[in-house]
Amino acid sequence: MSSDNRTEESSQIAGWYLTELIRCSLHGEVPGRKPEGCTWEQLWQLARWNHVESMAAPAIRRYPGELPHEPGNIWKQTLDETVYRRVRFDMEREQILTALADREIACLPLKGILVAGYYPEPGMRWMCDNDILYGYVEPDGAGGWKLRGTDAGEQDHWVQKAQEELVSVMTDLGYEVECLEGNHDSFHKKPFFNFEMHRRLVDAACGLAGYFENPWQKAVRNGDHEFGYHFSDEDEYLFLISHAWKHFHGSGCGIRTLADEYVVLKQKGEMDWDYIHRELVQLGVADFEESLRKTAVNVFSRAERPDEKDWDMVWYMLGCGTYGTFSNRIRLRMEEHGGSRKSYLAERFWIEEDRMREFYPFFYRHRALRAVLPVYRILKGICIHPGKLLQEWQEVNKYRVKDKEQE
């Protein structure tokens, strides 16, 4: 057997055992002994690559054999750290939500904030940041909510005002502004607090943007709390699936997404699945959801057995790491353009008006200057992240040119 084959086999053994450790953690079971063919170091590095160390930690704690001293301590420490992070994040989030409510800004916590609470033990779900939808809202006349304003111009005014108030709140709480472009605003405070405050649920370039055009349409007020909102279980699930689809088809996503799917299904299995299926079809992600759900149940339940297709998805996701890879991102986008560099670069050079409005509002408002935008973007890229531009060019050049004039 060649060294490459041995390495691949060892990686698959480590991947299989890592999923088994997570499964045992989810069900409170004692795991079997580590199989031959992989090391504790391999397991740890693979878990770190996917940010699931704390998911496997409860099973490691119940491991039936004697663990080497260092691995045992590392796994236990990561669970303790994740619990600590979650408690601190919860405290920070309450301060932010209270301060925004005082300024009459509505908030709706999203994604990992909610999913972390569905795991059987505190601290199993690691989070890099907290995501919150925010804005000035009002009734939409159809039983839901919408951004304040009677037309796009008024809504833009209230969105900008909400952003200004948010920046004031966050800086008062000691946060640094990292980014105020795109569909969310990013803030950081030492030692590890990251908050992504969303003005929209998805960016304008995403194929799901039309469905989520009014991000507040299906929000539900939290009882008598005038500025606190949530989604129904069904609409929360639809957003989680949409978010997973975006990452999976953008640059890939790790095994944590699969574990999230399983715990959500286990926690909220009694949902209106007829409604969910109709909306999934409308979103165009029904096939993806079915594959994700089937694989999650087969891999992490105690009753089902994963088949070859399930394992193919597991191996791919384990290789992607938590947030996917740059190489995957370029490959997937090149495939969308039929492998044509000309088509791909044309899209990178000229951006659509919706994305311009979201990421470059100055150029969106000043039409006469739009011809300068491509040059501005190139110079900005060279100044801020030249290495990424070079890496992108190298990845693009891996694909065959299919433009007629170059065939």
Protein backbone atom coordinates (compact mmCIF):
# COMPACT_ATOMS: atom_id res chain seq x y z
CA MET A 1 0.00 0.00 0.00
CA SER A 2 1.38 3.43 -0.96
CA SER A 3 1.97 6.12 1.65
CA ASP A 4 -0.82 8.23 0.10
CA ASN A 5 -3.29 5.36 0.48
CA ARG A 6 -2.19 4.77 4.06
CA THR A 7 -2.64 8.46 4.84
CA GLU A 8 -6.13 8.49 3.31
CA GLU A 9 -7.12 5.33 5.20
CA SER A 10 -5.79 6.77 8.46
CA SER A 11 -7.72 10.00 7.87
CA GLN A 12 -10.93 8.08 7.24
CA ILE A 13 -10.45 6.01 10.39
CA ALA A 14 -9.95 9.24 12.37
CA GLY A 15 -13.02 10.76 10.70
CA TRP A 16 -15.15 7.74 11.47
CA TYR A 17 -14.08 7.66 15.11
CA LEU A 18 -14.61 11.40 15.54
CA THR A 19 -18.21 11.08 14.33
CA GLU A 20 -18.62 8.13 16.70
CA LEU A 21 -17.36 10.22 19.62
CA ILE A 22 -19.85 12.97 18.75
CA ARG A 23 -22.66 10.43 18.45
CA CYS A 24 -21.82 9.03 21.91
CA SER A 25 -21.72 12.56 23.35
CA LEU A 26 -25.15 13.30 21.92
CA HIS A 27 -26.63 10.15 23.49
CA GLY A 28 -24.67 9.98 26.74
CA GLU A 29 -23.01 6.72 25.70
CA VAL A 30 -19.61 5.26 26.46
CA PRO A 31 -17.54 5.15 23.25
CA GLY A 32 -15.64 2.14 22.05
CA ARG A 33 -11.87 2.22 22.28
CA LYS A 34 -9.94 4.22 19.72
CA PRO A 35 -9.32 2.05 16.67
CA GLU A 36 -5.86 1.20 15.43
CA GLY A 37 -4.77 3.21 12.43
CA CYS A 38 -5.27 6.71 13.83
CA THR A 39 -3.71 8.67 16.67
CA TRP A 40 -5.12 10.94 19.36
CA GLU A 41 -3.21 13.79 17.73
CA GLN A 42 -4.97 13.12 14.40
CA LEU A 43 -8.34 13.10 16.15
CA TRP A 44 -7.57 16.35 17.95
CA GLN A 45 -6.41 18.14 14.78
CA LEU A 46 -9.44 16.95 12.82
CA ALA A 47 -11.77 18.07 15.62
CA ARG A 48 -10.05 21.46 15.76
CA TRP A 49 -10.30 21.86 11.98
CA ASN A 50 -14.06 21.41 12.31
CA HIS A 51 -14.44 23.19 15.70
CA VAL A 52 -16.11 20.15 17.28
CA GLU A 53 -13.61 19.48 20.07
CA SER A 54 -16.21 20.28 22.72
CA MET A 55 -18.80 18.09 20.97
CA ALA A 56 -16.54 15.06 21.33
CA ALA A 57 -15.34 15.98 24.83
CA PRO A 58 -18.23 14.41 26.82
CA ALA A 59 -17.57 11.05 25.15
CA ILE A 60 -13.84 11.42 25.77
CA ARG A 61 -14.64 12.01 29.43
CA ARG A 62 -16.41 8.63 29.50
CA TYR A 63 -13.70 6.84 27.50
CA PRO A 64 -13.37 3.28 28.90
CA GLY A 65 -9.59 3.00 28.60
CA GLU A 66 -6.74 5.03 29.98
CA LEU A 67 -6.08 8.16 27.99
CA PRO A 68 -2.63 9.59 27.51
CA HIS A 69 -2.27 12.44 30.00
CA GLU A 70 -1.99 15.34 27.54
CA PRO A 71 -4.91 14.44 25.21
CA GLY A 72 -7.17 13.82 28.19
CA ASN A 73 -6.46 17.24 29.63
CA ILE A 74 -6.81 19.03 26.29
CA TRP A 75 -10.26 17.58 25.56
CA LYS A 76 -11.52 18.41 29.07
CA GLN A 77 -10.10 21.91 28.90
CA THR A 78 -11.84 22.73 25.61
CA LEU A 79 -15.25 21.81 27.06
CA ASP A 80 -14.63 24.02 30.10
CA GLU A 81 -13.53 26.88 27.84
CA THR A 82 -16.62 26.57 25.66
CA VAL A 83 -18.91 26.67 28.69
CA TYR A 84 -17.08 29.78 29.90
CA ARG A 85 -17.35 31.44 26.46
CA ARG A 86 -21.06 30.73 26.28
CA VAL A 87 -21.78 32.23 29.70
CA ARG A 88 -19.75 35.33 28.87
CA PHE A 89 -21.42 35.67 25.46
CA ASP A 90 -24.86 35.37 27.07
CA MET A 91 -24.03 38.20 29.46
CA GLU A 92 -22.69 40.41 26.68
CA ARG A 93 -25.67 39.71 24.47
CA GLU A 94 -28.14 40.72 27.20
CA GLN A 95 -26.35 44.05 27.59
CA ILE A 96 -26.54 44.68 23.85
CA LEU A 97 -30.20 43.66 23.52
CA THR A 98 -31.20 45.81 26.49
CA ALA A 99 -29.32 48.84 25.16
CA LEU A 100 -30.88 48.48 21.69
CA ALA A 101 -34.37 48.02 23.17
CA ASP A 102 -33.87 51.27 25.07
CA ARG A 103 -33.40 52.89 21.65
CA GLU A 104 -36.53 51.13 20.28
CA ILE A 105 -34.55 48.87 17.96
CA ALA A 106 -35.98 45.39 17.44
CA CYS A 107 -33.68 42.36 17.70
CA LEU A 108 -33.97 38.69 16.73
CA PRO A 109 -31.17 36.27 17.75
CA LEU A 110 -30.12 33.83 15.02
CA LYS A 111 -28.34 30.55 14.30
CA GLY A 112 -25.74 29.34 16.79
CA ILE A 113 -27.17 31.35 19.70
CA LEU A 114 -30.27 29.15 19.51
CA VAL A 115 -28.73 25.88 18.35
CA ALA A 116 -26.21 25.84 21.21
CA GLY A 117 -29.13 25.42 23.61
CA TYR A 118 -30.37 22.27 21.86
CA TYR A 119 -27.30 20.19 22.69
CA PRO A 120 -27.63 17.80 25.66
CA GLU A 121 -24.75 19.34 27.64
CA PRO A 122 -23.79 23.00 28.10
CA GLY A 123 -20.72 24.01 26.13
CA MET A 124 -20.89 21.29 23.47
CA ARG A 125 -21.52 23.81 20.68
CA TRP A 126 -18.59 26.20 20.10
CA MET A 127 -19.39 29.65 18.67
CA CYS A 128 -17.04 32.15 17.10
CA ASP A 129 -19.65 34.92 17.17
CA ASN A 130 -23.25 35.81 17.89
CA ASP A 131 -25.60 36.70 15.03
CA ILE A 132 -28.54 39.04 15.63
CA LEU A 133 -31.03 40.57 13.18
CA TYR A 134 -31.78 44.19 14.10
CA GLY A 135 -33.70 47.22 12.83
CA TYR A 136 -36.60 49.59 13.29
CA VAL A 137 -39.75 47.59 12.47
CA GLU A 138 -43.47 48.12 12.19
CA PRO A 139 -46.54 45.96 11.35
CA ASP A 140 -46.76 45.01 7.67
CA GLY A 141 -50.56 44.97 7.57
CA ALA A 142 -50.71 41.20 6.95
CA GLY A 143 -50.02 39.96 10.45
CA GLY A 144 -46.24 40.17 10.19
CA TRP A 145 -43.57 42.83 10.44
CA LYS A 146 -41.41 44.87 8.11
CA LEU A 147 -38.69 47.48 8.19
CA ARG A 148 -40.06 50.89 9.09
CA GLY A 149 -40.85 53.11 6.09
CA THR A 150 -43.41 53.39 3.30
CA ASP A 151 -40.93 53.06 0.43
CA ALA A 152 -37.33 52.05 -0.27
CA GLY A 153 -36.04 55.55 0.40
CA GLU A 154 -37.66 55.76 3.83
CA GLN A 155 -36.55 52.25 4.70
CA ASP A 156 -32.96 53.09 3.76
CA HIS A 157 -33.18 56.10 6.08
CA TRP A 158 -34.32 53.97 9.03
CA VAL A 159 -31.76 51.27 8.26
CA GLN A 160 -29.01 53.87 8.31
CA LYS A 161 -30.35 55.40 11.53
CA ALA A 162 -30.49 51.95 13.18
CA GLN A 163 -26.89 51.34 12.11
CA GLU A 164 -25.79 54.66 13.60
CA GLU A 165 -27.53 53.86 16.89
CA LEU A 166 -26.01 50.38 16.88
CA VAL A 167 -22.49 51.76 16.40
CA SER A 168 -23.11 54.14 19.30
CA VAL A 169 -24.29 51.28 21.55
CA MET A 170 -21.44 48.96 20.64
CA THR A 171 -18.69 51.57 21.03
CA ASP A 172 -20.16 52.60 24.39
CA LEU A 173 -19.85 48.93 25.43
CA GLY A 174 -16.20 48.85 24.41
CA TYR A 175 -16.48 47.22 20.96
CA GLU A 176 -14.40 48.08 17.92
CA VAL A 177 -16.12 48.43 14.56
CA GLU A 178 -14.70 45.87 12.11
CA CYS A 179 -17.03 46.22 9.13
CA LEU A 180 -20.22 48.13 8.26
CA GLU A 181 -20.66 46.78 4.72
CA GLY A 182 -22.69 43.95 3.23
CA ASN A 183 -25.70 42.49 4.98
CA HIS A 184 -24.26 42.66 8.50
CA ASP A 185 -22.16 44.86 10.76
CA SER A 186 -19.23 43.28 12.61
CA PHE A 187 -17.93 44.24 16.05
CA HIS A 188 -15.15 42.85 18.22
CA LYS A 189 -14.11 43.26 21.85
CA LYS A 190 -11.30 41.50 23.65
CA PRO A 191 -10.82 38.79 24.72
CA PHE A 192 -13.07 36.93 22.25
CA PHE A 193 -16.38 38.70 21.70
CA ASN A 194 -17.54 38.90 18.09
CA PHE A 195 -21.03 40.08 17.15
CA GLU A 196 -22.47 40.10 13.64
CA MET A 197 -25.50 42.37 13.59
CA HIS A 198 -27.60 41.69 10.51
CA ARG A 199 -29.58 44.27 8.58
CA ARG A 200 -30.57 41.50 6.16
CA LEU A 201 -30.63 37.73 6.58
CA VAL A 202 -28.67 37.04 3.38
CA ASP A 203 -26.68 39.27 1.05
CA ALA A 204 -28.12 40.53 -2.20
CA ALA A 205 -26.01 38.21 -4.37
CA CYS A 206 -27.30 35.05 -2.72
CA GLY A 207 -29.85 33.04 -4.70
CA LEU A 208 -32.10 33.05 -1.61
CA ALA A 209 -32.24 36.85 -1.36
CA GLY A 210 -35.72 37.08 -2.89
CA TYR A 211 -37.27 34.75 -0.32
CA PHE A 212 -35.69 36.67 2.57
CA GLU A 213 -36.23 40.13 1.07
CA ASN A 214 -38.29 41.17 4.10
CA PRO A 215 -36.33 39.57 6.95
CA TRP A 216 -39.00 40.51 9.50
CA GLN A 217 -42.04 39.16 7.65
CA LYS A 218 -42.26 35.96 9.70
CA ALA A 219 -40.89 37.29 12.98
CA VAL A 220 -42.93 36.70 16.13
CA ARG A 221 -42.84 39.10 19.07
CA ASN A 222 -41.63 37.67 22.38
CA GLY A 223 -44.84 38.03 24.38
CA ASP A 224 -45.05 41.51 25.87
CA HIS A 225 -41.45 42.33 24.97
CA GLU A 226 -41.92 45.15 22.47
CA PHE A 227 -38.48 44.87 20.87
CA GLY A 228 -37.63 41.18 21.23
CA TYR A 229 -38.53 38.75 18.42
CA HIS A 230 -38.07 35.14 17.33
CA PHE A 231 -39.03 32.84 14.46
CA SER A 232 -41.43 29.93 14.74
CA ASP A 233 -39.73 26.52 14.93
CA GLU A 234 -40.53 25.95 11.26
CA ASP A 235 -39.16 29.28 10.04
CA GLU A 236 -36.11 28.94 12.27
CA TYR A 237 -35.45 25.56 10.65
CA LEU A 238 -35.90 27.01 7.16
CA PHE A 239 -33.37 29.74 7.88
CA LEU A 240 -30.88 27.26 9.37
CA ILE A 241 -31.16 25.06 6.27
CA SER A 242 -30.83 28.09 3.99
CA HIS A 243 -27.74 29.21 5.86
CA ALA A 244 -26.23 25.71 5.64
CA TRP A 245 -27.03 25.55 1.90
CA LYS A 246 -25.34 28.92 1.32
CA HIS A 247 -22.12 27.75 3.00
CA PHE A 248 -22.19 24.24 1.54
CA HIS A 249 -22.49 25.59 -1.99
CA GLY A 250 -20.26 28.60 -1.33
CA SER A 251 -17.01 27.19 0.04
CA GLY A 252 -18.17 24.12 1.94
CA CYS A 253 -18.97 23.62 5.62
CA GLY A 254 -17.81 21.24 8.31
CA ILE A 255 -19.25 18.38 10.31
CA ARG A 256 -20.62 20.81 12.91
CA THR A 257 -23.39 21.67 10.44
CA LEU A 258 -24.38 18.00 10.35
CA ALA A 259 -24.44 17.75 14.15
CA ASP A 260 -26.52 20.96 14.33
CA GLU A 261 -29.03 19.43 11.94
CA TYR A 262 -29.33 16.33 14.11
CA VAL A 263 -29.86 18.16 17.41
CA VAL A 264 -32.43 20.51 15.85
CA LEU A 265 -34.37 17.53 14.49
CA LYS A 266 -34.18 15.79 17.84
CA GLN A 267 -35.26 18.91 19.73
CA LYS A 268 -37.97 20.08 17.32
CA GLY A 269 -39.05 16.99 15.40
CA GLU A 270 -42.78 17.70 15.84
CA MET A 271 -42.90 20.55 13.34
CA ASP A 272 -45.31 21.26 10.49
CA TRP A 273 -43.36 19.34 7.85
CA ASP A 274 -45.93 20.00 5.10
CA TYR A 275 -45.30 23.73 5.49
CA ILE A 276 -41.54 23.21 5.70
CA HIS A 277 -41.48 21.11 2.52
CA ARG A 278 -43.51 23.68 0.58
CA GLU A 279 -41.14 26.46 1.63
CA LEU A 280 -38.06 24.34 0.89
CA VAL A 281 -39.33 23.80 -2.65
CA GLN A 282 -39.94 27.53 -3.02
CA LEU A 283 -36.42 28.21 -1.76
CA GLY A 284 -34.98 25.61 -4.14
CA VAL A 285 -33.13 23.74 -1.38
CA ALA A 286 -35.43 20.73 -0.84
CA ASP A 287 -32.94 18.18 -2.22
CA PHE A 288 -30.12 19.59 -0.12
CA GLU A 289 -32.24 19.50 3.03
CA GLU A 290 -33.25 15.90 2.39
CA SER A 291 -29.62 14.82 1.95
CA LEU A 292 -28.47 16.73 5.03
CA ARG A 293 -31.32 15.40 7.17
CA LYS A 294 -30.86 11.81 6.03
CA THR A 295 -27.11 11.85 6.58
CA ALA A 296 -27.41 13.53 9.99
CA VAL A 297 -29.96 10.97 11.21
CA ASN A 298 -28.05 8.00 9.79
CA VAL A 299 -24.68 9.09 11.20
CA PHE A 300 -25.71 10.34 14.64
CA SER A 301 -28.78 8.32 15.62
CA ARG A 302 -28.55 5.03 17.46
CA ALA A 303 -30.97 3.22 15.17
CA GLU A 304 -29.93 3.97 11.59
CA ARG A 305 -26.84 2.97 9.63
CA PRO A 306 -25.14 5.37 7.21
CA ASP A 307 -24.68 4.22 3.63
CA GLU A 308 -21.92 5.05 1.17
CA LYS A 309 -23.60 8.28 0.09
CA ASP A 310 -23.83 9.41 3.71
CA TRP A 311 -20.13 8.75 4.25
CA ASP A 312 -19.25 10.64 1.07
CA MET A 313 -20.95 13.70 2.55
CA VAL A 314 -19.20 13.16 5.91
CA TRP A 315 -15.74 12.89 4.30
CA TYR A 316 -16.37 15.99 2.22
CA MET A 317 -17.58 18.03 5.20
CA LEU A 318 -14.72 16.89 7.44
CA GLY A 319 -12.31 18.03 4.74
CA CYS A 320 -13.98 21.42 4.43
CA GLY A 321 -13.35 22.44 8.02
CA THR A 322 -15.74 24.72 9.90
CA TYR A 323 -16.09 27.47 7.32
CA GLY A 324 -15.05 25.74 4.10
CA THR A 325 -11.93 26.40 2.05
CA PHE A 326 -10.89 29.10 -0.38
CA SER A 327 -10.07 26.43 -2.96
CA ASN A 328 -13.62 25.05 -2.70
CA ARG A 329 -15.05 28.53 -3.11
CA ILE A 330 -13.21 29.19 -6.35
CA ARG A 331 -13.91 25.67 -7.68
CA LEU A 332 -17.65 25.97 -7.05
CA ARG A 333 -17.85 29.43 -8.60
CA MET A 334 -15.85 28.34 -11.61
CA GLU A 335 -18.23 25.42 -12.08
CA GLU A 336 -21.12 27.90 -12.10
CA HIS A 337 -19.38 29.61 -15.03
CA GLY A 338 -18.75 26.37 -16.90
CA GLY A 339 -15.03 26.56 -16.17
CA SER A 340 -14.71 29.80 -18.14
CA ARG A 341 -12.17 32.23 -16.71
CA LYS A 342 -13.51 34.99 -18.92
CA SER A 343 -17.03 34.62 -17.56
CA TYR A 344 -15.80 34.30 -13.97
CA LEU A 345 -13.53 37.36 -14.15
CA ALA A 346 -16.24 39.42 -15.84
CA GLU A 347 -18.54 38.78 -12.88
CA ARG A 348 -15.74 39.63 -10.43
CA PHE A 349 -14.99 42.85 -12.34
CA TRP A 350 -18.55 44.13 -12.72
CA ILE A 351 -20.86 43.57 -9.76
CA GLU A 352 -24.64 43.58 -9.88
CA GLU A 353 -26.58 46.62 -8.74
CA ASP A 354 -28.01 44.87 -5.66
CA ARG A 355 -24.52 44.02 -4.44
CA MET A 356 -23.35 47.54 -5.23
CA ARG A 357 -26.17 48.95 -3.11
CA GLU A 358 -25.20 46.67 -0.23
CA PHE A 359 -21.39 46.78 -0.34
CA TYR A 360 -20.65 50.06 -2.10
CA PRO A 361 -23.53 52.45 -1.29
CA PHE A 362 -21.48 55.54 -2.27
CA PHE A 363 -21.10 54.31 -5.86
CA TYR A 364 -24.71 53.13 -5.87
CA ARG A 365 -25.89 56.64 -5.01
CA HIS A 366 -23.50 58.38 -7.44
CA ARG A 367 -24.18 56.77 -10.80
CA ALA A 368 -21.65 58.95 -12.64
CA LEU A 369 -18.81 57.36 -10.65
CA ARG A 370 -19.79 53.73 -11.17
CA ALA A 371 -17.30 53.26 -14.01
CA VAL A 372 -14.54 53.86 -11.46
CA LEU A 373 -15.77 51.13 -9.10
CA PRO A 374 -13.91 48.17 -10.70
CA VAL A 375 -10.60 50.07 -10.44
CA TYR A 376 -11.40 51.05 -6.86
CA ARG A 377 -12.14 47.44 -5.94
CA ILE A 378 -8.89 46.18 -7.50
CA LEU A 379 -6.79 48.82 -5.74
CA LYS A 380 -8.59 48.16 -2.45
CA GLY A 381 -7.92 44.43 -2.81
CA ILE A 382 -4.22 45.03 -3.57
CA CYS A 383 -3.86 47.27 -0.52
CA ILE A 384 -5.86 45.19 1.97
CA HIS A 385 -5.31 41.55 0.98
CA PRO A 386 -2.90 41.14 -1.96
CA GLY A 387 -2.19 37.54 -0.95
CA LYS A 388 -5.84 36.59 -1.45
CA LEU A 389 -5.90 38.11 -4.94
CA LEU A 390 -2.82 36.12 -5.89
CA GLN A 391 -4.30 32.94 -4.42
CA GLU A 392 -7.55 33.52 -6.29
CA TRP A 393 -5.71 33.97 -9.57
CA GLN A 394 -3.75 30.77 -8.98
CA GLU A 395 -6.93 28.82 -8.19
CA VAL A 396 -8.73 30.19 -11.24
CA ASN A 397 -5.82 29.17 -13.45
CA LYS A 398 -6.22 25.56 -12.39
CA TYR A 399 -9.31 25.35 -14.59
CA ARG A 400 -9.35 24.97 -18.31
CA VAL A 401 -10.29 28.00 -20.32
CA LYS A 402 -13.47 27.34 -22.25
CA ASP A 403 -13.84 30.68 -23.97
CA LYS A 404 -14.24 30.08 -27.69
CA GLU A 405 -11.45 32.40 -28.68
CA GLN A 406 -9.03 30.46 -26.49
CA GLU A 407 -10.11 26.93 -27.38
